[in-house]
Amino acid sequence: MTASDARIVACPSCAALNRVPAAKLGAGGTCGRCHSQLFAGEPVVLTSANFDAHAGKSDVPLLVDFWASWCGPCRQMAPAFAQAAVQLEPQMRLGKLDTEAEQAIAGRFGIQSIPTMILIVKGREVARQSGAMPAAAIVRWAQQALARPAASSTLHPGAPA
């Protein structure tokens, strides 16, 4: 396996970085450290401990749902976001970040309203959408955002480079 044939995938359980052949991303696979499934078809709970592994070190794009437990639209969208994970993995990883518990990360991205979804590719924000959406709309928006040429993507000033 050459470097160009491999993708770095952060484990959803332990955040260990795993080298996976690009052609086998859809075949599942397990973490070399904790032996958990690398793609379970469900959103990862993002914290300060695992955020940078998924957002900046993994080759798999990360779609983050910034939410809070007191937010009605956030709770309404949660099942749709989970359904979208089943459809979008392994093309991208979906993760949920509680803005109350992880205020520093929410501040880094300038989150002003929730729910807000941000698509991050190799540490760079490439798309942002605020407001609750049904699963089909999340999937459509995320796939379109990922398909846009990198030259047209914009960085949020607070996003890590």
N, C-alpha and C. Protein backbone atom coordinates (compact mmCIF):
# COMPACT_ATOMS: atom_id res chain seq x y z
N MET A 1 0.85 -1.17 0.00
CA MET A 1 0.00 0.00 0.00
C MET A 1 0.90 1.23 0.00
N THR A 2 0.76 2.07 -1.01
CA THR A 2 1.55 3.29 -1.07
C THR A 2 0.82 4.41 -0.34
N ALA A 3 1.53 5.48 -0.07
CA ALA A 3 0.93 6.61 0.65
C ALA A 3 -0.25 7.18 -0.12
N SER A 4 -0.18 7.16 -1.46
CA SER A 4 -1.28 7.71 -2.25
C SER A 4 -2.50 6.81 -2.26
N ASP A 5 -2.31 5.54 -1.94
CA ASP A 5 -3.42 4.59 -1.89
C ASP A 5 -4.10 4.55 -0.53
N ALA A 6 -3.49 5.18 0.48
CA ALA A 6 -4.00 5.09 1.84
C ALA A 6 -4.69 6.37 2.27
N ARG A 7 -5.65 6.21 3.16
CA ARG A 7 -6.35 7.35 3.77
C ARG A 7 -6.21 7.20 5.27
N ILE A 8 -6.02 8.31 5.94
CA ILE A 8 -5.96 8.31 7.40
C ILE A 8 -7.39 8.50 7.91
N VAL A 9 -7.82 7.58 8.78
CA VAL A 9 -9.17 7.60 9.33
C VAL A 9 -9.06 7.60 10.85
N ALA A 10 -9.69 8.60 11.49
CA ALA A 10 -9.72 8.65 12.94
C ALA A 10 -10.80 7.70 13.45
N CYS A 11 -10.45 6.93 14.46
CA CYS A 11 -11.40 5.98 15.05
C CYS A 11 -12.50 6.74 15.80
N PRO A 12 -13.76 6.38 15.59
CA PRO A 12 -14.84 7.07 16.29
C PRO A 12 -14.86 6.78 17.80
N SER A 13 -14.21 5.72 18.23
CA SER A 13 -14.20 5.36 19.65
C SER A 13 -13.02 5.94 20.42
N CYS A 14 -11.81 5.76 19.87
CA CYS A 14 -10.62 6.18 20.62
C CYS A 14 -9.82 7.30 19.96
N ALA A 15 -10.24 7.72 18.76
CA ALA A 15 -9.60 8.79 17.98
C ALA A 15 -8.21 8.43 17.47
N ALA A 16 -7.81 7.17 17.58
CA ALA A 16 -6.53 6.74 17.01
C ALA A 16 -6.59 6.90 15.50
N LEU A 17 -5.46 7.25 14.91
CA LEU A 17 -5.40 7.42 13.46
C LEU A 17 -5.02 6.09 12.82
N ASN A 18 -5.81 5.67 11.84
CA ASN A 18 -5.62 4.39 11.16
C ASN A 18 -5.38 4.63 9.68
N ARG A 19 -4.42 3.92 9.11
CA ARG A 19 -4.15 3.99 7.68
C ARG A 19 -4.98 2.90 7.00
N VAL A 20 -5.86 3.33 6.07
CA VAL A 20 -6.79 2.40 5.40
C VAL A 20 -6.62 2.56 3.89
N PRO A 21 -6.53 1.45 3.15
CA PRO A 21 -6.47 1.56 1.68
C PRO A 21 -7.71 2.31 1.18
N ALA A 22 -7.53 3.28 0.30
CA ALA A 22 -8.64 4.09 -0.20
C ALA A 22 -9.73 3.23 -0.81
N ALA A 23 -9.34 2.18 -1.51
CA ALA A 23 -10.32 1.32 -2.16
C ALA A 23 -11.15 0.52 -1.16
N LYS A 24 -10.69 0.44 0.08
CA LYS A 24 -11.40 -0.38 1.07
C LYS A 24 -12.12 0.46 2.13
N LEU A 25 -12.26 1.75 1.92
CA LEU A 25 -12.96 2.59 2.90
C LEU A 25 -14.39 2.11 3.13
N GLY A 26 -15.07 1.72 2.09
CA GLY A 26 -16.45 1.28 2.20
C GLY A 26 -16.62 -0.12 2.74
N ALA A 27 -15.53 -0.84 2.91
CA ALA A 27 -15.60 -2.24 3.35
C ALA A 27 -15.60 -2.38 4.86
N GLY A 28 -15.66 -1.27 5.56
CA GLY A 28 -15.66 -1.34 7.02
C GLY A 28 -14.26 -1.23 7.56
N GLY A 29 -13.85 -2.19 8.32
CA GLY A 29 -12.53 -2.16 8.93
C GLY A 29 -12.64 -1.80 10.40
N THR A 30 -11.59 -2.17 11.12
CA THR A 30 -11.58 -1.90 12.55
C THR A 30 -10.33 -1.13 12.94
N CYS A 31 -10.40 -0.47 14.07
CA CYS A 31 -9.30 0.33 14.59
C CYS A 31 -8.17 -0.60 15.02
N GLY A 32 -6.96 -0.22 14.67
CA GLY A 32 -5.80 -0.99 15.07
C GLY A 32 -5.53 -0.95 16.56
N ARG A 33 -6.03 0.08 17.25
CA ARG A 33 -5.79 0.19 18.69
C ARG A 33 -6.90 -0.46 19.51
N CYS A 34 -8.16 -0.05 19.27
CA CYS A 34 -9.25 -0.51 20.15
C CYS A 34 -10.17 -1.55 19.48
N HIS A 35 -9.95 -1.81 18.19
CA HIS A 35 -10.70 -2.81 17.42
C HIS A 35 -12.18 -2.46 17.21
N SER A 36 -12.56 -1.20 17.41
CA SER A 36 -13.93 -0.76 17.11
C SER A 36 -14.08 -0.57 15.61
N GLN A 37 -15.32 -0.64 15.12
CA GLN A 37 -15.59 -0.38 13.72
C GLN A 37 -15.20 1.06 13.38
N LEU A 38 -14.52 1.25 12.25
CA LEU A 38 -14.13 2.60 11.85
C LEU A 38 -15.33 3.40 11.34
N PHE A 39 -16.32 2.72 10.77
CA PHE A 39 -17.54 3.38 10.32
C PHE A 39 -18.73 2.60 10.84
N ALA A 40 -19.47 3.21 11.76
CA ALA A 40 -20.60 2.53 12.39
C ALA A 40 -21.94 3.06 11.90
N GLY A 41 -21.93 4.03 10.99
CA GLY A 41 -23.18 4.58 10.48
C GLY A 41 -23.93 5.42 11.49
N GLU A 42 -23.18 6.05 12.40
CA GLU A 42 -23.81 6.93 13.39
C GLU A 42 -22.85 8.08 13.71
N PRO A 43 -23.41 9.22 14.11
CA PRO A 43 -22.54 10.36 14.43
C PRO A 43 -21.63 10.08 15.62
N VAL A 44 -20.44 10.66 15.55
CA VAL A 44 -19.46 10.59 16.62
C VAL A 44 -19.71 11.76 17.57
N VAL A 45 -19.62 11.51 18.87
CA VAL A 45 -19.70 12.60 19.84
C VAL A 45 -18.33 13.27 19.86
N LEU A 46 -18.31 14.55 19.48
CA LEU A 46 -17.04 15.28 19.40
C LEU A 46 -16.80 16.06 20.69
N THR A 47 -15.55 15.99 21.15
CA THR A 47 -15.13 16.69 22.36
C THR A 47 -13.78 17.34 22.08
N SER A 48 -13.29 18.08 23.05
CA SER A 48 -11.97 18.69 22.88
C SER A 48 -10.89 17.60 22.77
N ALA A 49 -11.15 16.42 23.31
CA ALA A 49 -10.18 15.33 23.27
C ALA A 49 -10.05 14.69 21.89
N ASN A 50 -11.13 14.67 21.10
CA ASN A 50 -11.06 13.97 19.81
C ASN A 50 -11.32 14.85 18.60
N PHE A 51 -11.69 16.10 18.81
CA PHE A 51 -12.09 16.97 17.70
C PHE A 51 -10.98 17.14 16.66
N ASP A 52 -9.78 17.47 17.10
CA ASP A 52 -8.71 17.74 16.14
C ASP A 52 -8.30 16.51 15.35
N ALA A 53 -8.40 15.33 15.94
CA ALA A 53 -8.09 14.10 15.19
C ALA A 53 -9.07 13.93 14.03
N HIS A 54 -10.35 14.16 14.30
CA HIS A 54 -11.36 14.00 13.25
C HIS A 54 -11.36 15.17 12.27
N ALA A 55 -11.20 16.38 12.76
CA ALA A 55 -11.30 17.57 11.89
C ALA A 55 -10.03 17.87 11.12
N GLY A 56 -8.89 17.66 11.72
CA GLY A 56 -7.66 18.10 11.08
C GLY A 56 -6.70 17.02 10.64
N LYS A 57 -6.74 15.86 11.29
CA LYS A 57 -5.75 14.83 10.98
C LYS A 57 -6.30 13.72 10.09
N SER A 58 -7.60 13.55 10.08
CA SER A 58 -8.22 12.50 9.27
C SER A 58 -8.38 12.97 7.83
N ASP A 59 -8.25 12.04 6.90
CA ASP A 59 -8.49 12.35 5.49
C ASP A 59 -9.97 12.31 5.14
N VAL A 60 -10.79 11.85 6.07
CA VAL A 60 -12.23 11.76 5.84
C VAL A 60 -12.85 13.10 6.21
N PRO A 61 -13.57 13.76 5.28
CA PRO A 61 -14.23 15.02 5.62
C PRO A 61 -15.15 14.84 6.82
N LEU A 62 -15.28 15.89 7.62
CA LEU A 62 -16.08 15.85 8.84
C LEU A 62 -17.24 16.84 8.74
N LEU A 63 -18.46 16.32 8.89
CA LEU A 63 -19.65 17.17 8.94
C LEU A 63 -20.06 17.27 10.41
N VAL A 64 -19.96 18.48 10.97
CA VAL A 64 -20.23 18.69 12.39
C VAL A 64 -21.59 19.35 12.57
N ASP A 65 -22.38 18.79 13.47
CA ASP A 65 -23.64 19.40 13.92
C ASP A 65 -23.34 20.07 15.25
N PHE A 66 -23.30 21.41 15.25
CA PHE A 66 -23.13 22.18 16.48
C PHE A 66 -24.53 22.33 17.08
N TRP A 67 -24.72 21.86 18.32
CA TRP A 67 -26.05 21.79 18.92
C TRP A 67 -25.96 22.04 20.43
N ALA A 68 -27.11 22.09 21.08
CA ALA A 68 -27.19 22.17 22.55
C ALA A 68 -28.46 21.45 23.00
N SER A 69 -28.42 20.88 24.18
CA SER A 69 -29.54 20.08 24.67
C SER A 69 -30.81 20.89 24.89
N TRP A 70 -30.69 22.19 25.17
CA TRP A 70 -31.86 23.03 25.42
C TRP A 70 -32.51 23.53 24.13
N CYS A 71 -31.91 23.26 22.99
CA CYS A 71 -32.37 23.79 21.69
C CYS A 71 -33.39 22.84 21.05
N GLY A 72 -34.62 23.30 20.93
CA GLY A 72 -35.68 22.49 20.33
C GLY A 72 -35.38 22.06 18.90
N PRO A 73 -35.02 23.00 18.01
CA PRO A 73 -34.69 22.59 16.65
C PRO A 73 -33.51 21.61 16.59
N CYS A 74 -32.56 21.73 17.52
CA CYS A 74 -31.43 20.79 17.55
C CYS A 74 -31.92 19.39 17.87
N ARG A 75 -32.79 19.28 18.87
CA ARG A 75 -33.34 17.97 19.24
C ARG A 75 -34.19 17.41 18.11
N GLN A 76 -34.90 18.30 17.41
CA GLN A 76 -35.74 17.87 16.29
C GLN A 76 -34.88 17.31 15.15
N MET A 77 -33.73 17.92 14.90
CA MET A 77 -32.88 17.51 13.79
C MET A 77 -32.01 16.29 14.11
N ALA A 78 -31.83 15.96 15.37
CA ALA A 78 -30.93 14.87 15.77
C ALA A 78 -31.22 13.54 15.05
N PRO A 79 -32.48 13.08 14.98
CA PRO A 79 -32.72 11.82 14.27
C PRO A 79 -32.39 11.91 12.77
N ALA A 80 -32.65 13.06 12.16
CA ALA A 80 -32.33 13.24 10.74
C ALA A 80 -30.82 13.21 10.52
N PHE A 81 -30.06 13.82 11.42
CA PHE A 81 -28.61 13.82 11.32
C PHE A 81 -28.08 12.39 11.45
N ALA A 82 -28.67 11.62 12.36
CA ALA A 82 -28.27 10.22 12.52
C ALA A 82 -28.59 9.41 11.26
N GLN A 83 -29.74 9.67 10.65
CA GLN A 83 -30.10 8.98 9.40
C GLN A 83 -29.12 9.36 8.29
N ALA A 84 -28.71 10.61 8.25
CA ALA A 84 -27.76 11.07 7.23
C ALA A 84 -26.42 10.36 7.38
N ALA A 85 -26.02 10.07 8.62
CA ALA A 85 -24.74 9.37 8.85
C ALA A 85 -24.73 8.02 8.16
N VAL A 86 -25.84 7.32 8.20
CA VAL A 86 -25.93 6.01 7.56
C VAL A 86 -25.69 6.14 6.05
N GLN A 87 -26.20 7.22 5.47
CA GLN A 87 -26.09 7.41 4.02
C GLN A 87 -24.76 8.01 3.59
N LEU A 88 -24.13 8.81 4.45
CA LEU A 88 -22.93 9.55 4.04
C LEU A 88 -21.61 8.85 4.38
N GLU A 89 -21.61 7.96 5.36
CA GLU A 89 -20.36 7.25 5.66
C GLU A 89 -20.10 6.19 4.61
N PRO A 90 -18.89 5.93 4.20
CA PRO A 90 -17.62 6.49 4.64
C PRO A 90 -17.17 7.71 3.82
N GLN A 91 -18.05 8.23 2.96
CA GLN A 91 -17.69 9.42 2.18
C GLN A 91 -17.29 10.57 3.10
N MET A 92 -17.94 10.66 4.25
CA MET A 92 -17.59 11.65 5.25
C MET A 92 -18.00 11.12 6.62
N ARG A 93 -17.37 11.66 7.66
CA ARG A 93 -17.70 11.33 9.05
C ARG A 93 -18.67 12.39 9.54
N LEU A 94 -19.70 12.00 10.28
CA LEU A 94 -20.61 12.94 10.89
C LEU A 94 -20.35 12.96 12.38
N GLY A 95 -20.33 14.16 12.95
CA GLY A 95 -20.08 14.30 14.37
C GLY A 95 -20.96 15.37 14.98
N LYS A 96 -21.28 15.19 16.25
CA LYS A 96 -22.10 16.14 16.99
C LYS A 96 -21.25 16.79 18.07
N LEU A 97 -21.29 18.13 18.13
CA LEU A 97 -20.54 18.86 19.13
C LEU A 97 -21.50 19.69 19.96
N ASP A 98 -21.57 19.39 21.26
CA ASP A 98 -22.42 20.12 22.20
C ASP A 98 -21.75 21.46 22.50
N THR A 99 -22.37 22.54 22.05
CA THR A 99 -21.78 23.87 22.19
C THR A 99 -21.70 24.33 23.64
N GLU A 100 -22.53 23.78 24.51
CA GLU A 100 -22.48 24.13 25.93
C GLU A 100 -21.27 23.46 26.59
N ALA A 101 -21.02 22.22 26.25
CA ALA A 101 -19.91 21.47 26.84
C ALA A 101 -18.57 21.84 26.22
N GLU A 102 -18.58 22.24 24.96
CA GLU A 102 -17.34 22.53 24.22
C GLU A 102 -17.36 23.96 23.69
N GLN A 103 -17.46 24.92 24.60
CA GLN A 103 -17.58 26.32 24.21
C GLN A 103 -16.36 26.84 23.45
N ALA A 104 -15.18 26.35 23.78
CA ALA A 104 -13.97 26.83 23.10
C ALA A 104 -13.99 26.47 21.62
N ILE A 105 -14.41 25.25 21.30
CA ILE A 105 -14.46 24.84 19.89
C ILE A 105 -15.56 25.61 19.17
N ALA A 106 -16.72 25.75 19.80
CA ALA A 106 -17.81 26.53 19.20
C ALA A 106 -17.34 27.97 18.94
N GLY A 107 -16.59 28.53 19.86
CA GLY A 107 -16.06 29.88 19.69
C GLY A 107 -15.05 29.96 18.56
N ARG A 108 -14.23 28.94 18.41
CA ARG A 108 -13.24 28.88 17.33
C ARG A 108 -13.91 28.99 15.97
N PHE A 109 -15.12 28.44 15.87
CA PHE A 109 -15.84 28.46 14.60
C PHE A 109 -16.89 29.57 14.53
N GLY A 110 -16.95 30.41 15.54
CA GLY A 110 -17.86 31.55 15.51
C GLY A 110 -19.32 31.15 15.45
N ILE A 111 -19.69 30.10 16.18
CA ILE A 111 -21.07 29.64 16.17
C ILE A 111 -21.95 30.67 16.87
N GLN A 112 -22.93 31.20 16.14
CA GLN A 112 -23.83 32.20 16.69
C GLN A 112 -25.26 31.72 16.78
N SER A 113 -25.60 30.69 16.03
CA SER A 113 -26.94 30.12 16.11
C SER A 113 -26.82 28.61 15.96
N ILE A 114 -27.77 27.92 16.55
CA ILE A 114 -27.77 26.46 16.47
C ILE A 114 -29.16 25.98 16.09
N PRO A 115 -29.28 24.86 15.44
CA PRO A 115 -28.18 24.03 14.96
C PRO A 115 -27.46 24.66 13.77
N THR A 116 -26.17 24.47 13.73
CA THR A 116 -25.35 24.87 12.59
C THR A 116 -24.50 23.66 12.19
N MET A 117 -24.49 23.37 10.91
CA MET A 117 -23.63 22.30 10.39
C MET A 117 -22.47 22.94 9.65
N ILE A 118 -21.29 22.40 9.88
CA ILE A 118 -20.08 22.86 9.19
C ILE A 118 -19.38 21.64 8.61
N LEU A 119 -19.04 21.73 7.33
CA LEU A 119 -18.27 20.68 6.67
C LEU A 119 -16.80 21.10 6.71
N ILE A 120 -15.97 20.23 7.28
CA ILE A 120 -14.55 20.49 7.46
C ILE A 120 -13.76 19.44 6.68
N VAL A 121 -12.83 19.93 5.86
CA VAL A 121 -11.96 19.05 5.09
C VAL A 121 -10.51 19.40 5.43
N LYS A 122 -9.81 18.42 6.03
CA LYS A 122 -8.40 18.60 6.42
C LYS A 122 -8.20 19.89 7.23
N GLY A 123 -9.08 20.12 8.20
CA GLY A 123 -8.95 21.25 9.10
C GLY A 123 -9.52 22.56 8.60
N ARG A 124 -10.04 22.58 7.39
CA ARG A 124 -10.56 23.83 6.81
C ARG A 124 -12.08 23.74 6.63
N GLU A 125 -12.76 24.78 7.07
CA GLU A 125 -14.20 24.86 6.84
C GLU A 125 -14.44 25.10 5.36
N VAL A 126 -15.28 24.27 4.75
CA VAL A 126 -15.59 24.45 3.33
C VAL A 126 -17.05 24.82 3.09
N ALA A 127 -17.92 24.59 4.09
CA ALA A 127 -19.33 24.95 3.92
C ALA A 127 -19.98 25.05 5.30
N ARG A 128 -21.04 25.87 5.37
CA ARG A 128 -21.76 26.09 6.62
C ARG A 128 -23.24 26.26 6.31
N GLN A 129 -24.08 25.68 7.16
CA GLN A 129 -25.54 25.78 7.00
C GLN A 129 -26.16 25.85 8.39
N SER A 130 -27.00 26.84 8.62
CA SER A 130 -27.70 26.96 9.90
C SER A 130 -29.15 26.58 9.73
N GLY A 131 -29.74 26.04 10.79
CA GLY A 131 -31.15 25.67 10.79
C GLY A 131 -31.34 24.17 10.65
N ALA A 132 -32.44 23.70 11.24
CA ALA A 132 -32.77 22.28 11.19
C ALA A 132 -33.15 21.87 9.77
N MET A 133 -32.75 20.66 9.40
CA MET A 133 -33.04 20.12 8.08
C MET A 133 -33.43 18.66 8.20
N PRO A 134 -34.25 18.15 7.28
CA PRO A 134 -34.54 16.71 7.25
C PRO A 134 -33.33 15.95 6.68
N ALA A 135 -33.32 14.64 6.89
CA ALA A 135 -32.18 13.82 6.49
C ALA A 135 -31.82 13.96 5.01
N ALA A 136 -32.82 13.92 4.13
CA ALA A 136 -32.54 14.00 2.69
C ALA A 136 -31.88 15.33 2.34
N ALA A 137 -32.30 16.40 2.99
CA ALA A 137 -31.71 17.72 2.72
C ALA A 137 -30.28 17.79 3.26
N ILE A 138 -30.03 17.18 4.41
CA ILE A 138 -28.67 17.15 4.96
C ILE A 138 -27.74 16.42 4.00
N VAL A 139 -28.17 15.26 3.53
CA VAL A 139 -27.36 14.46 2.60
C VAL A 139 -27.09 15.24 1.33
N ARG A 140 -28.13 15.82 0.75
CA ARG A 140 -27.99 16.58 -0.50
C ARG A 140 -27.04 17.77 -0.31
N TRP A 141 -27.23 18.54 0.76
CA TRP A 141 -26.39 19.71 1.02
C TRP A 141 -24.93 19.29 1.22
N ALA A 142 -24.70 18.25 2.02
CA ALA A 142 -23.34 17.82 2.32
C ALA A 142 -22.63 17.31 1.06
N GLN A 143 -23.33 16.53 0.25
CA GLN A 143 -22.71 16.01 -0.98
C GLN A 143 -22.40 17.14 -1.96
N GLN A 144 -23.30 18.11 -2.07
CA GLN A 144 -23.05 19.25 -2.96
C GLN A 144 -21.88 20.08 -2.45
N ALA A 145 -21.82 20.29 -1.14
CA ALA A 145 -20.74 21.09 -0.56
C ALA A 145 -19.39 20.40 -0.75
N LEU A 146 -19.37 19.09 -0.62
CA LEU A 146 -18.13 18.34 -0.79
C LEU A 146 -17.68 18.33 -2.25
N ALA A 147 -18.63 18.38 -3.18
CA ALA A 147 -18.32 18.34 -4.61
C ALA A 147 -17.82 19.67 -5.15
N ARG A 148 -18.06 20.76 -4.41
CA ARG A 148 -17.59 22.08 -4.89
C ARG A 148 -16.08 22.08 -4.99
N PRO A 149 -15.56 22.76 -6.00
CA PRO A 149 -14.09 22.87 -6.12
C PRO A 149 -13.51 23.57 -4.90
N ALA A 150 -12.35 23.12 -4.48
CA ALA A 150 -11.69 23.70 -3.30
C ALA A 150 -11.44 25.19 -3.46
N ALA A 151 -11.25 25.64 -4.69
CA ALA A 151 -10.96 27.07 -4.92
C ALA A 151 -12.14 27.95 -4.56
N SER A 152 -13.36 27.40 -4.58
CA SER A 152 -14.52 28.23 -4.29
C SER A 152 -14.91 28.16 -2.82
N SER A 153 -14.22 27.34 -2.04
CA SER A 153 -14.59 27.24 -0.64
C SER A 153 -14.06 28.46 0.12
N THR A 154 -14.77 28.80 1.17
CA THR A 154 -14.39 29.95 1.97
C THR A 154 -14.07 29.48 3.37
N LEU A 155 -13.13 30.14 3.97
CA LEU A 155 -12.76 29.83 5.34
C LEU A 155 -13.44 30.80 6.28
N HIS A 156 -13.94 30.29 7.38
CA HIS A 156 -14.45 31.15 8.41
C HIS A 156 -13.25 31.73 9.14
N PRO A 157 -13.26 33.01 9.49
CA PRO A 157 -12.09 33.60 10.12
C PRO A 157 -11.64 32.89 11.40
N GLY A 158 -12.57 32.29 12.13
CA GLY A 158 -12.20 31.62 13.38
C GLY A 158 -11.82 30.18 13.21
N ALA A 159 -11.98 29.65 12.01
CA ALA A 159 -11.72 28.23 11.78
C ALA A 159 -10.21 27.99 11.73
N PRO A 160 -9.79 26.83 12.21
CA PRO A 160 -8.36 26.52 12.16
C PRO A 160 -7.90 26.34 10.72
N ALA A 161 -6.70 26.75 10.45
CA ALA A 161 -6.15 26.62 9.09
C ALA A 161 -5.35 25.36 8.95
